[in-house]
Amino acid sequence: MQKIAAMLLTAALIIGVNGCSYVFYPRADEFAQQAKGDTSVETVLNLTVMMESSAEAAMGGTGYDQPLDDLHNQFHAFDNSLCCVDEAKRETPAYALAVTHNKELWAIFKRLWKFKDTQPQRDEHLALFKTEVQELRATLEALK
């Protein structure tokens, strides 16, 4: 019993320290590296451009196709990168608004995932996701 508890605790620590996305979504790390900018804000801005492009590419598709897979992994990379913004910038109202946009994106993405096989709902949620990403990018520009 103690061995099982120790293994579960170890697994929880490993996942907690490394972040879930890179354990369950290993391509998220690839996208985070591709988006790497000179600053943490530039990195998240680059990820918003990637997410918008993938959302556009996923229009008209069905199921868990490649563009949706890319968007999924980019979104996890963005979520992990947002918390890495410099400490001073995290204290600003613009960062607080970016966190709110991120929460809205999660709600939209969950609905998108539910309707990934159903048109036109998939495309409607992708369009809404794209619009929210554009608003998020405008907010992040204020952090520069």
N, C-alpha and C. Protein backbone atom coordinates (compact mmCIF):
# COMPACT_ATOMS: atom_id res chain seq x y z
N MET A 1 0.82 -1.19 0.00
CA MET A 1 0.00 0.00 0.00
C MET A 1 0.86 1.25 0.00
N GLN A 2 1.94 1.24 0.78
CA GLN A 2 2.82 2.40 0.83
C GLN A 2 3.53 2.61 -0.50
N LYS A 3 3.87 1.53 -1.19
CA LYS A 3 4.53 1.65 -2.49
C LYS A 3 3.61 2.30 -3.51
N ILE A 4 2.35 1.91 -3.49
CA ILE A 4 1.37 2.49 -4.42
C ILE A 4 1.20 3.98 -4.14
N ALA A 5 1.09 4.32 -2.87
CA ALA A 5 0.94 5.72 -2.49
C ALA A 5 2.18 6.52 -2.89
N ALA A 6 3.35 5.95 -2.71
CA ALA A 6 4.59 6.64 -3.08
C ALA A 6 4.67 6.83 -4.59
N MET A 7 4.25 5.82 -5.36
CA MET A 7 4.27 5.95 -6.83
C MET A 7 3.28 7.02 -7.30
N LEU A 8 2.10 7.07 -6.70
CA LEU A 8 1.12 8.08 -7.07
C LEU A 8 1.61 9.48 -6.72
N LEU A 9 2.22 9.62 -5.58
CA LEU A 9 2.77 10.91 -5.17
C LEU A 9 3.88 11.34 -6.11
N THR A 10 4.76 10.41 -6.47
CA THR A 10 5.85 10.71 -7.41
C THR A 10 5.30 11.13 -8.76
N ALA A 11 4.31 10.41 -9.26
CA ALA A 11 3.70 10.75 -10.55
C ALA A 11 3.06 12.14 -10.50
N ALA A 12 2.37 12.43 -9.41
CA ALA A 12 1.73 13.75 -9.26
C ALA A 12 2.77 14.86 -9.23
N LEU A 13 3.89 14.63 -8.55
CA LEU A 13 4.95 15.63 -8.51
C LEU A 13 5.58 15.84 -9.88
N ILE A 14 5.83 14.77 -10.60
CA ILE A 14 6.44 14.89 -11.93
C ILE A 14 5.51 15.67 -12.86
N ILE A 15 4.24 15.33 -12.85
CA ILE A 15 3.29 16.03 -13.71
C ILE A 15 3.16 17.48 -13.27
N GLY A 16 3.10 17.72 -11.98
CA GLY A 16 2.96 19.09 -11.47
C GLY A 16 4.15 19.96 -11.79
N VAL A 17 5.35 19.40 -11.71
CA VAL A 17 6.56 20.18 -11.97
C VAL A 17 6.74 20.44 -13.47
N ASN A 18 6.47 19.44 -14.29
CA ASN A 18 6.69 19.57 -15.74
C ASN A 18 5.52 20.21 -16.45
N GLY A 19 4.37 20.25 -15.87
CA GLY A 19 3.18 20.76 -16.54
C GLY A 19 2.51 19.65 -17.33
N CYS A 20 1.23 19.54 -17.17
CA CYS A 20 0.47 18.46 -17.81
C CYS A 20 0.56 18.49 -19.32
N SER A 21 0.53 19.65 -19.91
CA SER A 21 0.44 19.73 -21.36
C SER A 21 1.59 19.01 -22.04
N TYR A 22 2.77 19.11 -21.51
CA TYR A 22 3.90 18.50 -22.18
C TYR A 22 3.97 17.00 -21.93
N VAL A 23 3.25 16.51 -20.94
CA VAL A 23 3.17 15.08 -20.72
C VAL A 23 2.11 14.48 -21.65
N PHE A 24 0.95 15.11 -21.69
CA PHE A 24 -0.16 14.59 -22.47
C PHE A 24 -0.21 15.15 -23.88
N TYR A 25 0.42 16.30 -24.12
CA TYR A 25 0.43 16.94 -25.43
C TYR A 25 1.87 17.29 -25.78
N PRO A 26 2.68 16.31 -26.15
CA PRO A 26 4.10 16.57 -26.38
C PRO A 26 4.37 17.53 -27.53
N ARG A 27 3.45 17.64 -28.48
CA ARG A 27 3.67 18.57 -29.59
C ARG A 27 3.52 20.02 -29.13
N ALA A 28 2.90 20.24 -27.98
CA ALA A 28 2.77 21.59 -27.44
C ALA A 28 4.15 22.19 -27.21
N ASP A 29 5.08 21.38 -26.76
CA ASP A 29 6.45 21.86 -26.54
C ASP A 29 7.10 22.26 -27.86
N GLU A 30 6.84 21.52 -28.93
CA GLU A 30 7.37 21.87 -30.25
C GLU A 30 6.86 23.24 -30.68
N PHE A 31 5.57 23.48 -30.52
CA PHE A 31 5.00 24.76 -30.90
C PHE A 31 5.53 25.89 -30.02
N ALA A 32 5.73 25.62 -28.74
CA ALA A 32 6.28 26.64 -27.85
C ALA A 32 7.70 27.02 -28.29
N GLN A 33 8.47 26.03 -28.71
CA GLN A 33 9.84 26.32 -29.19
C GLN A 33 9.81 27.10 -30.51
N GLN A 34 8.89 26.75 -31.40
CA GLN A 34 8.77 27.47 -32.67
C GLN A 34 8.37 28.93 -32.45
N ALA A 35 7.56 29.17 -31.44
CA ALA A 35 7.04 30.51 -31.18
C ALA A 35 7.98 31.35 -30.32
N LYS A 36 9.07 30.78 -29.86
CA LYS A 36 9.97 31.46 -28.93
C LYS A 36 10.38 32.82 -29.47
N GLY A 37 10.11 33.86 -28.69
CA GLY A 37 10.49 35.22 -29.04
C GLY A 37 11.58 35.72 -28.11
N ASP A 38 11.95 36.98 -28.29
CA ASP A 38 12.98 37.57 -27.43
C ASP A 38 12.49 37.74 -26.00
N THR A 39 11.18 37.94 -25.85
CA THR A 39 10.60 38.08 -24.51
C THR A 39 9.44 37.09 -24.38
N SER A 40 9.00 36.92 -23.16
CA SER A 40 7.88 36.00 -22.92
C SER A 40 6.60 36.52 -23.57
N VAL A 41 6.44 37.84 -23.63
CA VAL A 41 5.25 38.41 -24.27
C VAL A 41 5.28 38.15 -25.77
N GLU A 42 6.45 38.28 -26.39
CA GLU A 42 6.56 37.98 -27.82
C GLU A 42 6.24 36.51 -28.09
N THR A 43 6.64 35.63 -27.20
CA THR A 43 6.35 34.20 -27.38
C THR A 43 4.85 33.96 -27.39
N VAL A 44 4.12 34.53 -26.43
CA VAL A 44 2.67 34.31 -26.40
C VAL A 44 1.99 35.00 -27.59
N LEU A 45 2.52 36.13 -28.01
CA LEU A 45 1.96 36.78 -29.21
C LEU A 45 2.16 35.91 -30.44
N ASN A 46 3.34 35.31 -30.57
CA ASN A 46 3.60 34.41 -31.70
C ASN A 46 2.65 33.21 -31.67
N LEU A 47 2.36 32.72 -30.47
CA LEU A 47 1.43 31.59 -30.35
C LEU A 47 0.01 31.99 -30.74
N THR A 48 -0.38 33.24 -30.47
CA THR A 48 -1.72 33.67 -30.89
C THR A 48 -1.82 33.71 -32.41
N VAL A 49 -0.75 34.12 -33.08
CA VAL A 49 -0.74 34.11 -34.55
C VAL A 49 -0.88 32.68 -35.06
N MET A 50 -0.16 31.76 -34.45
CA MET A 50 -0.22 30.35 -34.85
C MET A 50 -1.63 29.79 -34.62
N MET A 51 -2.23 30.13 -33.47
CA MET A 51 -3.57 29.61 -33.17
C MET A 51 -4.60 30.14 -34.16
N GLU A 52 -4.49 31.41 -34.50
CA GLU A 52 -5.44 32.00 -35.45
C GLU A 52 -5.30 31.33 -36.82
N SER A 53 -4.08 31.08 -37.23
CA SER A 53 -3.84 30.43 -38.51
C SER A 53 -4.39 29.00 -38.51
N SER A 54 -4.19 28.28 -37.44
CA SER A 54 -4.69 26.90 -37.35
C SER A 54 -6.21 26.87 -37.29
N ALA A 55 -6.81 27.83 -36.61
CA ALA A 55 -8.27 27.90 -36.55
C ALA A 55 -8.83 28.13 -37.95
N GLU A 56 -8.19 28.98 -38.71
CA GLU A 56 -8.61 29.23 -40.09
C GLU A 56 -8.46 27.97 -40.94
N ALA A 57 -7.35 27.26 -40.76
CA ALA A 57 -7.10 26.03 -41.53
C ALA A 57 -8.08 24.92 -41.16
N ALA A 58 -8.58 24.94 -39.92
CA ALA A 58 -9.50 23.89 -39.47
C ALA A 58 -10.93 24.10 -39.96
N MET A 59 -11.21 25.27 -40.51
CA MET A 59 -12.56 25.55 -41.03
C MET A 59 -12.90 24.56 -42.14
N GLY A 60 -14.13 24.08 -42.10
CA GLY A 60 -14.61 23.18 -43.14
C GLY A 60 -14.28 21.71 -42.90
N GLY A 61 -13.46 21.43 -41.90
CA GLY A 61 -13.09 20.05 -41.62
C GLY A 61 -14.06 19.37 -40.68
N THR A 62 -13.77 18.12 -40.39
CA THR A 62 -14.56 17.37 -39.41
C THR A 62 -13.63 16.46 -38.62
N GLY A 63 -14.04 16.16 -37.41
CA GLY A 63 -13.27 15.24 -36.58
C GLY A 63 -11.97 15.85 -36.09
N TYR A 64 -11.13 14.98 -35.61
CA TYR A 64 -9.84 15.40 -35.05
C TYR A 64 -8.80 15.35 -36.17
N ASP A 65 -8.91 16.30 -37.10
CA ASP A 65 -7.99 16.36 -38.22
C ASP A 65 -6.71 17.11 -37.84
N GLN A 66 -5.78 17.19 -38.75
CA GLN A 66 -4.47 17.79 -38.46
C GLN A 66 -4.56 19.26 -38.03
N PRO A 67 -5.34 20.12 -38.72
CA PRO A 67 -5.42 21.51 -38.26
C PRO A 67 -5.98 21.64 -36.84
N LEU A 68 -6.97 20.81 -36.50
CA LEU A 68 -7.53 20.87 -35.15
C LEU A 68 -6.52 20.34 -34.13
N ASP A 69 -5.77 19.32 -34.51
CA ASP A 69 -4.71 18.80 -33.64
C ASP A 69 -3.66 19.88 -33.39
N ASP A 70 -3.27 20.59 -34.45
CA ASP A 70 -2.30 21.67 -34.29
C ASP A 70 -2.85 22.76 -33.37
N LEU A 71 -4.10 23.15 -33.60
CA LEU A 71 -4.72 24.18 -32.75
C LEU A 71 -4.75 23.72 -31.30
N HIS A 72 -5.10 22.48 -31.07
CA HIS A 72 -5.17 21.91 -29.73
C HIS A 72 -3.81 22.02 -29.03
N ASN A 73 -2.76 21.59 -29.72
CA ASN A 73 -1.42 21.64 -29.12
C ASN A 73 -0.92 23.08 -28.96
N GLN A 74 -1.22 23.94 -29.91
CA GLN A 74 -0.82 25.35 -29.79
C GLN A 74 -1.52 26.01 -28.62
N PHE A 75 -2.78 25.66 -28.42
CA PHE A 75 -3.53 26.23 -27.31
C PHE A 75 -2.94 25.80 -25.97
N HIS A 76 -2.52 24.54 -25.86
CA HIS A 76 -1.86 24.10 -24.64
C HIS A 76 -0.51 24.81 -24.46
N ALA A 77 0.22 25.00 -25.54
CA ALA A 77 1.50 25.72 -25.46
C ALA A 77 1.25 27.16 -25.00
N PHE A 78 0.21 27.78 -25.54
CA PHE A 78 -0.12 29.15 -25.14
C PHE A 78 -0.47 29.20 -23.65
N ASP A 79 -1.32 28.28 -23.22
CA ASP A 79 -1.75 28.27 -21.82
C ASP A 79 -0.56 28.12 -20.88
N ASN A 80 0.38 27.26 -21.25
CA ASN A 80 1.59 27.10 -20.42
C ASN A 80 2.50 28.32 -20.48
N SER A 81 2.58 28.95 -21.64
CA SER A 81 3.47 30.10 -21.81
C SER A 81 2.93 31.36 -21.15
N LEU A 82 1.61 31.47 -21.06
CA LEU A 82 1.02 32.68 -20.47
C LEU A 82 1.45 32.87 -19.03
N CYS A 83 1.62 31.78 -18.31
CA CYS A 83 2.02 31.91 -16.90
C CYS A 83 3.51 32.22 -16.76
N CYS A 84 4.25 32.20 -17.86
CA CYS A 84 5.68 32.49 -17.82
C CYS A 84 6.00 33.94 -18.13
N VAL A 85 4.98 34.77 -18.28
CA VAL A 85 5.19 36.20 -18.54
C VAL A 85 5.90 36.79 -17.33
N ASP A 86 6.75 37.77 -17.58
CA ASP A 86 7.54 38.40 -16.52
C ASP A 86 6.67 38.83 -15.34
N GLU A 87 7.24 38.71 -14.16
CA GLU A 87 6.53 39.02 -12.92
C GLU A 87 5.93 40.43 -12.93
N ALA A 88 6.69 41.40 -13.37
CA ALA A 88 6.19 42.79 -13.36
C ALA A 88 4.99 42.95 -14.29
N LYS A 89 5.00 42.28 -15.40
CA LYS A 89 3.89 42.39 -16.35
C LYS A 89 2.65 41.64 -15.86
N ARG A 90 2.85 40.64 -15.03
CA ARG A 90 1.71 39.89 -14.49
C ARG A 90 0.90 40.72 -13.50
N GLU A 91 1.46 41.81 -13.03
CA GLU A 91 0.77 42.67 -12.07
C GLU A 91 -0.08 43.73 -12.75
N THR A 92 -0.06 43.78 -14.08
CA THR A 92 -0.77 44.83 -14.81
C THR A 92 -2.22 44.43 -15.10
N PRO A 93 -3.09 45.42 -15.29
CA PRO A 93 -4.48 45.13 -15.67
C PRO A 93 -4.55 44.42 -17.04
N ALA A 94 -3.63 44.71 -17.93
CA ALA A 94 -3.64 44.07 -19.25
C ALA A 94 -3.42 42.56 -19.12
N TYR A 95 -2.55 42.16 -18.23
CA TYR A 95 -2.33 40.72 -18.01
C TYR A 95 -3.58 40.08 -17.43
N ALA A 96 -4.22 40.76 -16.48
CA ALA A 96 -5.45 40.23 -15.89
C ALA A 96 -6.52 40.03 -16.97
N LEU A 97 -6.60 40.97 -17.90
CA LEU A 97 -7.55 40.83 -19.01
C LEU A 97 -7.16 39.68 -19.93
N ALA A 98 -5.86 39.49 -20.14
CA ALA A 98 -5.39 38.37 -20.97
C ALA A 98 -5.78 37.03 -20.32
N VAL A 99 -5.70 36.95 -19.01
CA VAL A 99 -6.10 35.73 -18.30
C VAL A 99 -7.60 35.48 -18.49
N THR A 100 -8.38 36.55 -18.46
CA THR A 100 -9.82 36.42 -18.69
C THR A 100 -10.09 35.92 -20.11
N HIS A 101 -9.39 36.49 -21.10
CA HIS A 101 -9.53 36.02 -22.48
C HIS A 101 -9.16 34.54 -22.58
N ASN A 102 -8.12 34.13 -21.88
CA ASN A 102 -7.69 32.73 -21.90
C ASN A 102 -8.81 31.82 -21.36
N LYS A 103 -9.45 32.24 -20.29
CA LYS A 103 -10.55 31.45 -19.74
C LYS A 103 -11.71 31.38 -20.72
N GLU A 104 -11.98 32.47 -21.42
CA GLU A 104 -13.03 32.46 -22.43
C GLU A 104 -12.66 31.52 -23.58
N LEU A 105 -11.39 31.51 -23.95
CA LEU A 105 -10.94 30.60 -25.01
C LEU A 105 -11.14 29.15 -24.60
N TRP A 106 -10.89 28.84 -23.33
CA TRP A 106 -11.10 27.46 -22.87
C TRP A 106 -12.56 27.06 -23.00
N ALA A 107 -13.47 27.97 -22.64
CA ALA A 107 -14.90 27.66 -22.76
C ALA A 107 -15.28 27.43 -24.22
N ILE A 108 -14.77 28.28 -25.11
CA ILE A 108 -15.06 28.12 -26.53
C ILE A 108 -14.46 26.83 -27.06
N PHE A 109 -13.22 26.53 -26.67
CA PHE A 109 -12.56 25.34 -27.18
C PHE A 109 -13.29 24.06 -26.72
N LYS A 110 -13.77 24.06 -25.50
CA LYS A 110 -14.51 22.88 -25.02
C LYS A 110 -15.76 22.65 -25.85
N ARG A 111 -16.46 23.73 -26.21
CA ARG A 111 -17.63 23.60 -27.08
C ARG A 111 -17.21 23.18 -28.49
N LEU A 112 -16.12 23.73 -28.97
CA LEU A 112 -15.60 23.34 -30.29
C LEU A 112 -15.31 21.84 -30.30
N TRP A 113 -14.70 21.37 -29.23
CA TRP A 113 -14.37 19.95 -29.13
C TRP A 113 -15.63 19.09 -29.16
N LYS A 114 -16.68 19.56 -28.51
CA LYS A 114 -17.93 18.82 -28.49
C LYS A 114 -18.52 18.72 -29.90
N PHE A 115 -18.36 19.77 -30.70
CA PHE A 115 -18.95 19.82 -32.04
C PHE A 115 -17.93 19.60 -33.16
N LYS A 116 -16.80 18.98 -32.85
CA LYS A 116 -15.75 18.82 -33.86
C LYS A 116 -16.20 17.99 -35.06
N ASP A 117 -17.20 17.14 -34.87
CA ASP A 117 -17.69 16.29 -35.96
C ASP A 117 -18.94 16.85 -36.64
N THR A 118 -19.44 17.98 -36.17
CA THR A 118 -20.72 18.50 -36.64
C THR A 118 -20.54 19.87 -37.29
N GLN A 119 -20.88 19.94 -38.58
CA GLN A 119 -20.89 21.22 -39.27
C GLN A 119 -22.32 21.73 -39.24
N PRO A 120 -22.63 22.98 -39.15
CA PRO A 120 -21.76 24.14 -39.17
C PRO A 120 -21.29 24.58 -37.78
N GLN A 121 -21.68 23.84 -36.71
CA GLN A 121 -21.30 24.25 -35.35
C GLN A 121 -19.79 24.32 -35.17
N ARG A 122 -19.07 23.39 -35.79
CA ARG A 122 -17.61 23.41 -35.67
C ARG A 122 -17.07 24.73 -36.21
N ASP A 123 -17.50 25.10 -37.42
CA ASP A 123 -17.00 26.34 -38.03
C ASP A 123 -17.42 27.58 -37.25
N GLU A 124 -18.62 27.55 -36.70
CA GLU A 124 -19.08 28.69 -35.89
C GLU A 124 -18.21 28.86 -34.65
N HIS A 125 -17.86 27.75 -34.00
CA HIS A 125 -17.01 27.83 -32.82
C HIS A 125 -15.58 28.21 -33.19
N LEU A 126 -15.11 27.75 -34.34
CA LEU A 126 -13.78 28.16 -34.80
C LEU A 126 -13.74 29.66 -35.08
N ALA A 127 -14.79 30.19 -35.69
CA ALA A 127 -14.85 31.63 -35.96
C ALA A 127 -14.87 32.42 -34.65
N LEU A 128 -15.63 31.94 -33.68
CA LEU A 128 -15.67 32.59 -32.37
C LEU A 128 -14.30 32.51 -31.69
N PHE A 129 -13.65 31.36 -31.80
CA PHE A 129 -12.31 31.18 -31.22
C PHE A 129 -11.34 32.17 -31.86
N LYS A 130 -11.40 32.29 -33.17
CA LYS A 130 -10.53 33.22 -33.89
C LYS A 130 -10.75 34.66 -33.43
N THR A 131 -11.99 35.05 -33.28
CA THR A 131 -12.30 36.41 -32.83
C THR A 131 -11.75 36.66 -31.43
N GLU A 132 -11.91 35.68 -30.57
CA GLU A 132 -11.40 35.82 -29.20
C GLU A 132 -9.88 35.89 -29.18
N VAL A 133 -9.22 35.13 -30.05
CA VAL A 133 -7.76 35.18 -30.15
C VAL A 133 -7.31 36.57 -30.62
N GLN A 134 -8.04 37.16 -31.55
CA GLN A 134 -7.70 38.50 -32.02
C GLN A 134 -7.82 39.53 -30.90
N GLU A 135 -8.88 39.41 -30.09
CA GLU A 135 -9.04 40.30 -28.93
C GLU A 135 -7.91 40.07 -27.93
N LEU A 136 -7.56 38.82 -27.72
CA LEU A 136 -6.46 38.49 -26.82
C LEU A 136 -5.14 39.10 -27.31
N ARG A 137 -4.90 39.01 -28.61
CA ARG A 137 -3.66 39.57 -29.17
C ARG A 137 -3.60 41.08 -28.93
N ALA A 138 -4.72 41.76 -29.12
CA ALA A 138 -4.76 43.21 -28.87
C ALA A 138 -4.43 43.51 -27.41
N THR A 139 -4.94 42.69 -26.52
CA THR A 139 -4.64 42.86 -25.09
C THR A 139 -3.16 42.62 -24.81
N LEU A 140 -2.60 41.58 -25.42
CA LEU A 140 -1.19 41.27 -25.19
C LEU A 140 -0.26 42.33 -25.77
N GLU A 141 -0.69 42.97 -26.85
CA GLU A 141 0.11 44.05 -27.42
C GLU A 141 0.32 45.16 -26.40
N ALA A 142 -0.67 45.38 -25.54
CA ALA A 142 -0.55 46.39 -24.50
C ALA A 142 0.50 46.03 -23.45
N LEU A 143 0.85 44.76 -23.36
CA LEU A 143 1.87 44.32 -22.39
C LEU A 143 3.29 44.60 -22.87
N LYS A 144 3.46 44.79 -24.16
CA LYS A 144 4.81 44.97 -24.71
C LYS A 144 5.58 46.09 -24.07
